[in-house]
C-alpha cells in the first residue's frame, strides 16, 4: 500500500491520490520504533532529545529509501535492504 500504483489501480478516485504517503509514513514509523526500542531498553528508557532526533531521522530516511524503491523505482530491493542495514548500524553507532 506504500506504492502510488496500488492506489491508482484499487482506488482511482482523486481523493485517494496521496494516501500512499500515509501508508509509507506509518510503515516507516513502525520500523523506526522497532529499531529504537532495543536502544531505549538498553538505556532503561532514560532517553533524551538526541534519541527523539534519531527516531525522527530514521523515520524520514526510511520513507525516502522506500519511496525511491516503491514509487520512483530508482533503486532495487537489494539496494533498499542494504540502505536499511546501514541505517541500523549508523543508528546504533551514534546512540551507543
C-alpha atoms as a PDB file:
ATOM      1  CA  UNK A   1       0.000   0.000   0.000  1.00  0.00           C
ATOM      2  CA  UNK A   2       3.028   2.294   0.026  1.00  0.00           C
ATOM      3  CA  UNK A   3       3.036   2.302  -3.769  1.00  0.00           C
ATOM      4  CA  UNK A   4       1.284   5.025  -5.765  1.00  0.00           C
ATOM      5  CA  UNK A   5       0.378   2.478  -8.435  1.00  0.00           C
ATOM      6  CA  UNK A   6      -1.527   0.326  -5.928  1.00  0.00           C
ATOM      7  CA  UNK A   7      -3.745   3.264  -5.008  1.00  0.00           C
ATOM      8  CA  UNK A   8      -4.253   4.247  -8.658  1.00  0.00           C
ATOM      9  CA  UNK A   9      -5.354   0.708  -9.505  1.00  0.00           C
ATOM     10  CA  UNK A  10      -7.532  -0.019  -6.473  1.00  0.00           C
ATOM     11  CA  UNK A  11      -8.784   3.476  -5.598  1.00  0.00           C
ATOM     12  CA  UNK A  12      -8.640   5.581  -8.764  1.00  0.00           C
ATOM     13  CA  UNK A  13     -10.701   8.412  -7.256  1.00  0.00           C
ATOM     14  CA  UNK A  14      -8.625  11.603  -6.992  1.00  0.00           C
ATOM     15  CA  UNK A  15      -9.358  11.942  -3.257  1.00  0.00           C
ATOM     16  CA  UNK A  16      -7.055   8.942  -2.595  1.00  0.00           C
ATOM     17  CA  UNK A  17      -4.219  10.397  -4.658  1.00  0.00           C
ATOM     18  CA  UNK A  18      -1.847  10.913  -1.705  1.00  0.00           C
ATOM     19  CA  UNK A  19      -2.968   8.106   0.603  1.00  0.00           C
ATOM     20  CA  UNK A  20       0.162   6.134  -0.241  1.00  0.00           C
ATOM     21  CA  UNK A  21       2.088   8.756   1.775  1.00  0.00           C
ATOM     22  CA  UNK A  22       0.136   7.871   4.920  1.00  0.00           C
ATOM     23  CA  UNK A  23       0.866   4.160   4.392  1.00  0.00           C
ATOM     24  CA  UNK A  24       4.529   4.926   3.739  1.00  0.00           C
ATOM     25  CA  UNK A  25       4.709   7.097   6.866  1.00  0.00           C
ATOM     26  CA  UNK A  26       3.040   4.513   9.123  1.00  0.00           C
ATOM     27  CA  UNK A  27       5.328   1.762   7.838  1.00  0.00           C
ATOM     28  CA  UNK A  28       8.402   3.956   8.407  1.00  0.00           C
ATOM     29  CA  UNK A  29       7.214   4.989  11.859  1.00  0.00           C
ATOM     30  CA  UNK A  30       6.685   1.381  12.971  1.00  0.00           C
ATOM     31  CA  UNK A  31      10.070   0.377  11.537  1.00  0.00           C
ATOM     32  CA  UNK A  32      11.771   3.215  13.428  1.00  0.00           C
ATOM     33  CA  UNK A  33      10.002   2.204  16.617  1.00  0.00           C
ATOM     34  CA  UNK A  34      11.324  -1.350  16.293  1.00  0.00           C
ATOM     35  CA  UNK A  35      14.853  -0.103  15.592  1.00  0.00           C
ATOM     36  CA  UNK A  36      14.858   2.334  18.508  1.00  0.00           C
ATOM     37  CA  UNK A  37      13.139   0.083  21.080  1.00  0.00           C
ATOM     38  CA  UNK A  38      16.264  -2.001  21.879  1.00  0.00           C
ATOM     39  CA  UNK A  39      18.272   1.213  22.305  1.00  0.00           C
ATOM     40  CA  UNK A  40      15.664   2.664  24.650  1.00  0.00           C
ATOM     41  CA  UNK A  41      15.658  -0.607  26.607  1.00  0.00           C
ATOM     42  CA  UNK A  42      19.466  -0.564  26.800  1.00  0.00           C
ATOM     43  CA  UNK A  43      19.274   2.887  28.412  1.00  0.00           C
ATOM     44  CA  UNK A  44      16.421   1.789  30.730  1.00  0.00           C
ATOM     45  CA  UNK A  45      14.163   4.226  28.881  1.00  0.00           C
ATOM     46  CA  UNK A  46      16.212   7.201  30.135  1.00  0.00           C
ATOM     47  CA  UNK A  47      16.066   8.819  26.739  1.00  0.00           C
ATOM     48  CA  UNK A  48      16.946  12.344  25.718  1.00  0.00           C
ATOM     49  CA  UNK A  49      16.303  14.722  22.854  1.00  0.00           C
ATOM     50  CA  UNK A  50      19.001  13.044  20.737  1.00  0.00           C
ATOM     51  CA  UNK A  51      17.025   9.794  20.942  1.00  0.00           C
ATOM     52  CA  UNK A  52      13.948  11.548  19.553  1.00  0.00           C
ATOM     53  CA  UNK A  53      16.043  13.227  16.886  1.00  0.00           C
ATOM     54  CA  UNK A  54      17.338   9.808  15.806  1.00  0.00           C
ATOM     55  CA  UNK A  55      13.808   8.409  15.855  1.00  0.00           C
ATOM     56  CA  UNK A  56      12.614  11.223  13.583  1.00  0.00           C
ATOM     57  CA  UNK A  57      15.674  10.906  11.337  1.00  0.00           C
ATOM     58  CA  UNK A  58      15.163   7.158  10.969  1.00  0.00           C
ATOM     59  CA  UNK A  59      11.518   7.654  10.043  1.00  0.00           C
ATOM     60  CA  UNK A  60      12.334  10.230   7.361  1.00  0.00           C
ATOM     61  CA  UNK A  61      15.269   8.221   5.968  1.00  0.00           C
ATOM     62  CA  UNK A  62      13.192   5.056   5.815  1.00  0.00           C
ATOM     63  CA  UNK A  63      10.401   6.887   3.994  1.00  0.00           C
ATOM     64  CA  UNK A  64      12.857   8.295   1.445  1.00  0.00           C
ATOM     65  CA  UNK A  65      14.520   4.944   0.772  1.00  0.00           C
ATOM     66  CA  UNK A  66      11.207   3.082   0.464  1.00  0.00           C
ATOM     67  CA  UNK A  67       9.772   5.785  -1.787  1.00  0.00           C
ATOM     68  CA  UNK A  68      12.849   5.558  -4.015  1.00  0.00           C
ATOM     69  CA  UNK A  69      12.247   1.822  -4.361  1.00  0.00           C
ATOM     70  CA  UNK A  70       8.464   1.564  -4.444  1.00  0.00           C
ATOM     71  CA  UNK A  71       7.483   4.697  -6.344  1.00  0.00           C
ATOM     72  CA  UNK A  72      10.446   6.342  -8.046  1.00  0.00           C
ATOM     73  CA  UNK A  73      11.909   2.912  -8.904  1.00  0.00           C
ATOM     74  CA  UNK A  74      15.480   4.224  -8.869  1.00  0.00           C
ATOM     75  CA  UNK A  75      16.795   1.519  -6.513  1.00  0.00           C
ATOM     76  CA  UNK A  76      16.124  -2.200  -6.309  1.00  0.00           C
ATOM     77  CA  UNK A  77      15.295  -4.423  -3.344  1.00  0.00           C
ATOM     78  CA  UNK A  78      18.939  -5.273  -2.589  1.00  0.00           C
ATOM     79  CA  UNK A  79      19.900  -1.591  -2.504  1.00  0.00           C
ATOM     80  CA  UNK A  80      16.839  -0.846  -0.364  1.00  0.00           C
ATOM     81  CA  UNK A  81      17.731  -3.509   2.196  1.00  0.00           C
ATOM     82  CA  UNK A  82      21.390  -2.505   2.217  1.00  0.00           C
ATOM     83  CA  UNK A  83      20.393   1.095   2.934  1.00  0.00           C
ATOM     84  CA  UNK A  84      18.250  -0.062   5.857  1.00  0.00           C
ATOM     85  CA  UNK A  85      21.056  -2.205   7.286  1.00  0.00           C
ATOM     86  CA  UNK A  86      23.434   0.761   7.061  1.00  0.00           C
ATOM     87  CA  UNK A  87      20.775   2.870   8.739  1.00  0.00           C
ATOM     88  CA  UNK A  88      20.533   0.392  11.654  1.00  0.00           C
ATOM     89  CA  UNK A  89      24.319   0.259  12.095  1.00  0.00           C
ATOM     90  CA  UNK A  90      24.560   4.065  11.873  1.00  0.00           C
ATOM     91  CA  UNK A  91      21.803   4.470  14.498  1.00  0.00           C
ATOM     92  CA  UNK A  92      23.414   2.045  16.937  1.00  0.00           C
ATOM     93  CA  UNK A  93      26.829   3.634  16.436  1.00  0.00           C
ATOM     94  CA  UNK A  94      25.528   7.145  17.140  1.00  0.00           C
ATOM     95  CA  UNK A  95      23.296   6.190  20.059  1.00  0.00           C
ATOM     96  CA  UNK A  96      25.704   3.925  21.887  1.00  0.00           C
END
